[in-house]
PDB file of N, CA and C in Angstrom:
ATOM      1  N   MET A   1     -18.495  31.696  -5.786  1.00  0.00           N
ATOM      2  CA  MET A   1     -17.452  31.124  -4.946  1.00  0.00           C
ATOM      3  C   MET A   1     -17.927  29.849  -4.263  1.00  0.00           C
ATOM      4  N   LYS A   2     -19.231  29.795  -3.940  1.00  0.00           N
ATOM      5  CA  LYS A   2     -19.768  28.588  -3.306  1.00  0.00           C
ATOM      6  C   LYS A   2     -19.664  27.387  -4.250  1.00  0.00           C
ATOM      7  N   GLY A   3     -19.860  27.627  -5.530  1.00  0.00           N
ATOM      8  CA  GLY A   3     -19.757  26.552  -6.508  1.00  0.00           C
ATOM      9  C   GLY A   3     -18.345  25.987  -6.567  1.00  0.00           C
ATOM     10  N   PHE A   4     -17.362  26.861  -6.441  1.00  0.00           N
ATOM     11  CA  PHE A   4     -15.963  26.421  -6.451  1.00  0.00           C
ATOM     12  C   PHE A   4     -15.676  25.532  -5.246  1.00  0.00           C
ATOM     13  N   PHE A   5     -16.162  25.942  -4.073  1.00  0.00           N
ATOM     14  CA  PHE A   5     -15.941  25.150  -2.866  1.00  0.00           C
ATOM     15  C   PHE A   5     -16.674  23.806  -2.938  1.00  0.00           C
ATOM     16  N   LYS A   6     -17.864  23.794  -3.552  1.00  0.00           N
ATOM     17  CA  LYS A   6     -18.583  22.538  -3.731  1.00  0.00           C
ATOM     18  C   LYS A   6     -17.785  21.607  -4.652  1.00  0.00           C
ATOM     19  N   PHE A   7     -17.222  22.185  -5.701  1.00  0.00           N
ATOM     20  CA  PHE A   7     -16.436  21.392  -6.648  1.00  0.00           C
ATOM     21  C   PHE A   7     -15.197  20.804  -5.969  1.00  0.00           C
ATOM     22  N   ILE A   8     -14.482  21.630  -5.214  1.00  0.00           N
ATOM     23  CA  ILE A   8     -13.287  21.150  -4.501  1.00  0.00           C
ATOM     24  C   ILE A   8     -13.682  20.093  -3.467  1.00  0.00           C
ATOM     25  N   GLY A   9     -14.772  20.318  -2.753  1.00  0.00           N
ATOM     26  CA  GLY A   9     -15.251  19.344  -1.774  1.00  0.00           C
ATOM     27  C   GLY A   9     -15.626  18.026  -2.431  1.00  0.00           C
ATOM     28  N   SER A  10     -16.254  18.104  -3.594  1.00  0.00           N
ATOM     29  CA  SER A  10     -16.609  16.882  -4.317  1.00  0.00           C
ATOM     30  C   SER A  10     -15.366  16.131  -4.763  1.00  0.00           C
ATOM     31  N   LEU A  11     -14.364  16.852  -5.265  1.00  0.00           N
ATOM     32  CA  LEU A  11     -13.115  16.210  -5.670  1.00  0.00           C
ATOM     33  C   LEU A  11     -12.438  15.526  -4.490  1.00  0.00           C
ATOM     34  N   LEU A  12     -12.406  16.205  -3.349  1.00  0.00           N
ATOM     35  CA  LEU A  12     -11.788  15.613  -2.161  1.00  0.00           C
ATOM     36  C   LEU A  12     -12.560  14.387  -1.681  1.00  0.00           C
ATOM     37  N   ALA A  13     -13.881  14.430  -1.777  1.00  0.00           N
ATOM     38  CA  ALA A  13     -14.693  13.285  -1.364  1.00  0.00           C
ATOM     39  C   ALA A  13     -14.441  12.091  -2.280  1.00  0.00           C
ATOM     40  N   VAL A  14     -14.374  12.334  -3.585  1.00  0.00           N
ATOM     41  CA  VAL A  14     -14.105  11.245  -4.532  1.00  0.00           C
ATOM     42  C   VAL A  14     -12.713  10.685  -4.299  1.00  0.00           C
ATOM     43  N   PHE A  15     -11.735  11.554  -4.113  1.00  0.00           N
ATOM     44  CA  PHE A  15     -10.362  11.113  -3.860  1.00  0.00           C
ATOM     45  C   PHE A  15     -10.295  10.278  -2.581  1.00  0.00           C
ATOM     46  N   GLY A  16     -10.964  10.729  -1.530  1.00  0.00           N
ATOM     47  CA  GLY A  16     -10.992   9.977  -0.274  1.00  0.00           C
ATOM     48  C   GLY A  16     -11.653   8.618  -0.438  1.00  0.00           C
ATOM     49  N   GLY A  17     -12.713   8.571  -1.227  1.00  0.00           N
ATOM     50  CA  GLY A  17     -13.375   7.295  -1.485  1.00  0.00           C
ATOM     51  C   GLY A  17     -12.485   6.326  -2.238  1.00  0.00           C
ATOM     52  N   VAL A  18     -11.750   6.839  -3.223  1.00  0.00           N
ATOM     53  CA  VAL A  18     -10.837   5.986  -3.993  1.00  0.00           C
ATOM     54  C   VAL A  18      -9.714   5.466  -3.103  1.00  0.00           C
ATOM     55  N   VAL A  19      -9.134   6.332  -2.283  1.00  0.00           N
ATOM     56  CA  VAL A  19      -8.059   5.905  -1.381  1.00  0.00           C
ATOM     57  C   VAL A  19      -8.580   4.883  -0.373  1.00  0.00           C
ATOM     58  N   GLY A  20      -9.761   5.097   0.144  1.00  0.00           N
ATOM     59  CA  GLY A  20     -10.355   4.144   1.073  1.00  0.00           C
ATOM     60  C   GLY A  20     -10.624   2.798   0.417  1.00  0.00           C
ATOM     61  N   ALA A  21     -11.125   2.818  -0.818  1.00  0.00           N
ATOM     62  CA  ALA A  21     -11.381   1.566  -1.535  1.00  0.00           C
ATOM     63  C   ALA A  21     -10.078   0.816  -1.792  1.00  0.00           C
ATOM     64  N   LEU A  22      -9.018   1.541  -2.138  1.00  0.00           N
ATOM     65  CA  LEU A  22      -7.718   0.899  -2.358  1.00  0.00           C
ATOM     66  C   LEU A  22      -7.181   0.301  -1.062  1.00  0.00           C
ATOM     67  N   ALA A  23      -7.391   0.976   0.053  1.00  0.00           N
ATOM     68  CA  ALA A  23      -6.932   0.444   1.343  1.00  0.00           C
ATOM     69  C   ALA A  23      -7.678  -0.832   1.702  1.00  0.00           C
ATOM     70  N   VAL A  24      -8.980  -0.853   1.460  1.00  0.00           N
ATOM     71  CA  VAL A  24      -9.777  -2.052   1.744  1.00  0.00           C
ATOM     72  C   VAL A  24      -9.348  -3.186   0.818  1.00  0.00           C
ATOM     73  N   PHE A  25      -9.148  -2.891  -0.462  1.00  0.00           N
ATOM     74  CA  PHE A  25      -8.706  -3.917  -1.412  1.00  0.00           C
ATOM     75  C   PHE A  25      -7.351  -4.488  -1.005  1.00  0.00           C
ATOM     76  N   ASP A  26      -6.426  -3.623  -0.572  1.00  0.00           N
ATOM     77  CA  ASP A  26      -5.108  -4.080  -0.132  1.00  0.00           C
ATOM     78  C   ASP A  26      -5.222  -4.979   1.083  1.00  0.00           C
ATOM     79  N   LYS A  27      -6.077  -4.616   2.008  1.00  0.00           N
ATOM     80  CA  LYS A  27      -6.273  -5.419   3.224  1.00  0.00           C
ATOM     81  C   LYS A  27      -6.847  -6.788   2.883  1.00  0.00           C
ATOM     82  N   ILE A  28      -7.799  -6.832   1.975  1.00  0.00           N
ATOM     83  CA  ILE A  28      -8.425  -8.100   1.598  1.00  0.00           C
ATOM     84  C   ILE A  28      -7.457  -8.964   0.795  1.00  0.00           C
ATOM     85  N   SER A  29      -6.711  -8.358  -0.124  1.00  0.00           N
ATOM     86  CA  SER A  29      -5.844  -9.148  -1.001  1.00  0.00           C
ATOM     87  C   SER A  29      -4.584  -9.629  -0.299  1.00  0.00           C
ATOM     88  N   ASN A  30      -4.230  -9.060   0.830  1.00  0.00           N
ATOM     89  CA  ASN A  30      -3.023  -9.464   1.542  1.00  0.00           C
ATOM     90  C   ASN A  30      -3.342 -10.111   2.882  1.00  0.00           C
ATOM     91  N   LYS A  31      -4.369 -10.950   2.909  1.00  0.00           N
ATOM     92  CA  LYS A  31      -4.741 -11.618   4.159  1.00  0.00           C
ATOM     93  C   LYS A  31      -3.637 -12.545   4.641  1.00  0.00           C
ATOM     94  N   ASN A  32      -2.895 -13.154   3.720  1.00  0.00           N
ATOM     95  CA  ASN A  32      -1.867 -14.120   4.087  1.00  0.00           C
ATOM     96  C   ASN A  32      -0.487 -13.488   4.159  1.00  0.00           C
ATOM     97  N   ARG A  33      -0.447 -12.193   4.336  1.00  0.00           N
ATOM     98  CA  ARG A  33       0.827 -11.477   4.434  1.00  0.00           C
ATOM     99  C   ARG A  33       1.584 -11.944   5.680  1.00  0.00           C
ATOM    100  N   ILE A  34       2.888 -11.994   5.573  1.00  0.00           N
ATOM    101  CA  ILE A  34       3.717 -12.387   6.714  1.00  0.00           C
ATOM    102  C   ILE A  34       3.720 -11.228   7.702  1.00  0.00           C
ATOM    103  N   LYS A  35       3.305 -11.503   8.909  1.00  0.00           N
ATOM    104  CA  LYS A  35       3.268 -10.458   9.927  1.00  0.00           C
ATOM    105  C   LYS A  35       4.501 -10.582  10.803  1.00  0.00           C
ATOM    106  N   GLY A  36       5.021  -9.484  11.224  1.00  0.00           N
ATOM    107  CA  GLY A  36       6.175  -9.509  12.118  1.00  0.00           C
ATOM    108  C   GLY A  36       7.480  -9.416  11.359  1.00  0.00           C
ATOM    109  N   ASP A  37       8.398 -10.310  11.722  1.00  0.00           N
ATOM    110  CA  ASP A  37       9.752 -10.245  11.200  1.00  0.00           C
ATOM    111  C   ASP A  37       9.861 -10.902   9.827  1.00  0.00           C
ATOM    112  N   TYR A  38      11.057 -10.885   9.286  1.00  0.00           N
ATOM    113  CA  TYR A  38      11.318 -11.516   8.005  1.00  0.00           C
ATOM    114  C   TYR A  38      11.372 -13.030   8.162  1.00  0.00           C
ATOM    115  N   LEU A  39      11.260 -13.734   7.050  1.00  0.00           N
ATOM    116  CA  LEU A  39      11.373 -15.188   7.083  1.00  0.00           C
ATOM    117  C   LEU A  39      12.800 -15.592   7.384  1.00  0.00           C
ATOM    118  N   GLU A  40      12.930 -16.670   8.118  1.00  0.00           N
ATOM    119  CA  GLU A  40      14.244 -17.244   8.355  1.00  0.00           C
ATOM    120  C   GLU A  40      14.615 -18.075   7.134  1.00  0.00           C
ATOM    121  N   CYS A  41      15.775 -17.813   6.550  1.00  0.00           N
ATOM    122  CA  CYS A  41      16.189 -18.591   5.398  1.00  0.00           C
ATOM    123  C   CYS A  41      17.709 -18.691   5.390  1.00  0.00           C
ATOM    124  N   ASP A  42      18.193 -19.661   4.632  1.00  0.00           N
ATOM    125  CA  ASP A  42      19.630 -19.866   4.499  1.00  0.00           C
ATOM    126  C   ASP A  42      20.193 -18.745   3.635  1.00  0.00           C
ATOM    127  N   THR A  43      21.156 -18.044   4.162  1.00  0.00           N
ATOM    128  CA  THR A  43      21.739 -16.949   3.393  1.00  0.00           C
ATOM    129  C   THR A  43      23.159 -17.317   2.980  1.00  0.00           C
ATOM    130  N   THR A  44      23.521 -16.887   1.814  1.00  0.00           N
ATOM    131  CA  THR A  44      24.869 -17.119   1.305  1.00  0.00           C
ATOM    132  C   THR A  44      25.482 -15.766   1.027  1.00  0.00           C
ATOM    133  N   ASP A  45      26.737 -15.644   1.397  1.00  0.00           N
ATOM    134  CA  ASP A  45      27.441 -14.380   1.143  1.00  0.00           C
ATOM    135  C   ASP A  45      27.965 -14.410  -0.287  1.00  0.00           C
ATOM    136  N   TYR A  46      27.275 -13.720  -1.174  1.00  0.00           N
ATOM    137  CA  TYR A  46      27.633 -13.733  -2.588  1.00  0.00           C
ATOM    138  C   TYR A  46      28.751 -12.743  -2.924  1.00  0.00           C
ATOM    139  N   THR A  47      29.223 -12.022  -1.919  1.00  0.00           N
ATOM    140  CA  THR A  47      30.294 -11.056  -2.193  1.00  0.00           C
ATOM    141  C   THR A  47      31.631 -11.742  -2.290  1.00  0.00           C
ATOM    142  N   GLN A  48      31.778 -12.961  -1.796  1.00  0.00           N
ATOM    143  CA  GLN A  48      33.064 -13.662  -1.811  1.00  0.00           C
ATOM    144  C   GLN A  48      32.957 -14.947  -2.628  1.00  0.00           C
ATOM    145  N   ILE A  49      32.652 -14.812  -3.899  1.00  0.00           N
ATOM    146  CA  ILE A  49      32.542 -15.968  -4.786  1.00  0.00           C
ATOM    147  C   ILE A  49      33.924 -16.339  -5.293  1.00  0.00           C
ATOM    148  N   ASP A  50      34.254 -17.625  -5.184  1.00  0.00           N
ATOM    149  CA  ASP A  50      35.577 -18.101  -5.646  1.00  0.00           C
ATOM    150  C   ASP A  50      35.626 -18.037  -7.168  1.00  0.00           C
ATOM    151  N   GLU A  51      36.730 -17.540  -7.669  1.00  0.00           N
ATOM    152  CA  GLU A  51      36.871 -17.456  -9.114  1.00  0.00           C
ATOM    153  C   GLU A  51      37.828 -18.488  -9.638  1.00  0.00           C
TER     154      GLU A  51
END
């Protein structure tokens, strides 16, 4: 039974390491992410297009 718990613990440790590495990669790759609100841009109402 101890071997089973070691195996499950190892799987959880590897999974945690992978998730942590992905979080660090996401943080590094999105340094220029827009923080806060959305960008201000000109919006057009496309629901009322003249035919």
